[in-house]
């Protein structure tokens, strides 16, 4: 079964664009689904490919998700026991501003 990358601090790894990683708890940037990995081994190899990063020192988990497509939807991640996220970047920005 395919799965997603999960980290308690950053949340679910949603994907990458132009070298930047996006996480459900950090900045979901409008993403309504997370990228899937074939296995924990594939996930580990992917993490090891990242350049020097503070994320390398965090603990990552491979969480199996029953996904119907090529990506895991918010609902599918929740069904796997992971926290939901709000993909609305405006809302995320407002929450981050309130926390400052």
Protein backbone atom coordinates (compact mmCIF):
# COMPACT_ATOMS: atom_id res chain seq x y z
CA UNK A 1 0.00 0.00 0.00
CA UNK A 2 1.23 3.48 -0.84
CA UNK A 3 1.78 6.06 1.86
CA UNK A 4 2.64 9.65 2.74
CA UNK A 5 5.44 11.30 4.69
CA UNK A 6 4.32 12.54 8.10
CA UNK A 7 6.14 14.55 10.74
CA UNK A 8 4.54 15.74 13.99
CA UNK A 9 5.89 19.28 13.63
CA UNK A 10 5.40 19.93 9.90
CA UNK A 11 2.47 17.61 9.23
CA UNK A 12 1.96 15.76 5.96
CA UNK A 13 4.41 16.34 3.13
CA UNK A 14 2.27 17.66 0.26
CA UNK A 15 4.92 17.99 -2.42
CA UNK A 16 7.59 20.21 -3.91
CA UNK A 17 7.64 23.13 -6.31
CA UNK A 18 10.79 24.90 -7.52
CA UNK A 19 12.84 23.26 -4.76
CA UNK A 20 10.49 24.23 -1.93
CA UNK A 21 8.70 21.58 0.11
CA UNK A 22 5.13 22.16 1.25
CA UNK A 23 3.68 20.71 4.44
CA UNK A 24 0.11 20.56 5.72
CA UNK A 25 0.86 22.30 9.04
CA UNK A 26 3.30 24.86 7.64
CA UNK A 27 1.86 26.20 4.39
CA UNK A 28 -0.47 23.97 2.40
CA UNK A 29 -0.44 26.58 -0.39
CA UNK A 30 -3.78 25.53 -1.86
CA UNK A 31 -2.90 21.82 -1.99
CA UNK A 32 -5.88 19.53 -1.50
CA UNK A 33 -3.86 16.31 -1.75
CA UNK A 34 -0.50 14.85 -0.73
CA UNK A 35 2.04 13.03 -2.88
CA UNK A 36 2.26 9.28 -2.38
CA UNK A 37 5.27 7.01 -2.09
CA UNK A 38 5.33 3.35 -3.11
CA UNK A 39 7.05 2.22 0.09
CA UNK A 40 8.89 3.36 3.20
CA UNK A 41 12.17 2.62 1.40
CA UNK A 42 11.20 4.95 -1.46
CA UNK A 43 10.22 7.62 1.08
CA UNK A 44 13.58 7.33 2.90
CA UNK A 45 15.52 7.59 -0.37
CA UNK A 46 13.53 10.69 -1.28
CA UNK A 47 14.23 12.33 2.10
CA UNK A 48 17.95 11.51 1.75
CA UNK A 49 17.98 13.32 -1.61
CA UNK A 50 17.13 16.64 0.05
CA UNK A 51 19.98 19.11 0.36
CA UNK A 52 21.16 20.10 3.82
CA UNK A 53 18.01 21.01 5.67
CA UNK A 54 16.69 21.29 9.20
CA UNK A 55 14.14 18.64 8.22
CA UNK A 56 16.83 15.92 8.05
CA UNK A 57 17.06 16.00 11.82
CA UNK A 58 13.35 15.52 12.38
CA UNK A 59 11.60 12.20 12.63
CA UNK A 60 9.58 11.15 9.58
CA UNK A 61 6.98 8.42 9.42
CA UNK A 62 5.66 6.49 6.46
CA UNK A 63 1.91 6.33 6.95
CA UNK A 64 0.01 3.95 4.66
CA UNK A 65 -3.00 5.56 2.97
CA UNK A 66 -5.71 3.87 0.93
CA UNK A 67 -5.80 6.28 -1.97
CA UNK A 68 -7.91 5.86 -5.07
CA UNK A 69 -5.72 8.05 -7.28
CA UNK A 70 -2.14 9.17 -7.71
CA UNK A 71 -2.36 11.50 -4.69
CA UNK A 72 -3.87 11.13 -1.22
CA UNK A 73 -6.80 13.48 -0.63
CA UNK A 74 -7.42 15.20 2.68
CA UNK A 75 -10.24 12.74 3.38
CA UNK A 76 -8.04 9.73 2.59
CA UNK A 77 -5.31 11.04 4.92
CA UNK A 78 -7.86 11.57 7.71
CA UNK A 79 -9.14 8.01 7.18
CA UNK A 80 -5.53 6.85 7.74
CA UNK A 81 -5.50 8.61 11.12
CA UNK A 82 -3.69 11.79 10.09
CA UNK A 83 -4.85 15.34 10.86
CA UNK A 84 -6.84 17.26 8.26
CA UNK A 85 -5.55 20.51 6.84
CA UNK A 86 -7.20 23.52 5.25
CA UNK A 87 -5.78 24.12 1.77
CA UNK A 88 -6.93 27.76 1.72
CA UNK A 89 -3.67 29.76 1.71
CA UNK A 90 -5.50 32.92 2.78
CA UNK A 91 -6.71 31.21 5.94
CA UNK A 92 -3.25 29.79 6.64
CA UNK A 93 -1.71 33.24 6.31
CA UNK A 94 -4.30 34.74 8.66
CA UNK A 95 -3.68 32.05 11.30
CA UNK A 96 0.10 32.53 11.09
CA UNK A 97 -0.33 36.30 11.53
CA UNK A 98 -2.51 35.77 14.63
CA UNK A 99 0.12 33.49 16.20
CA UNK A 100 2.83 36.19 15.98
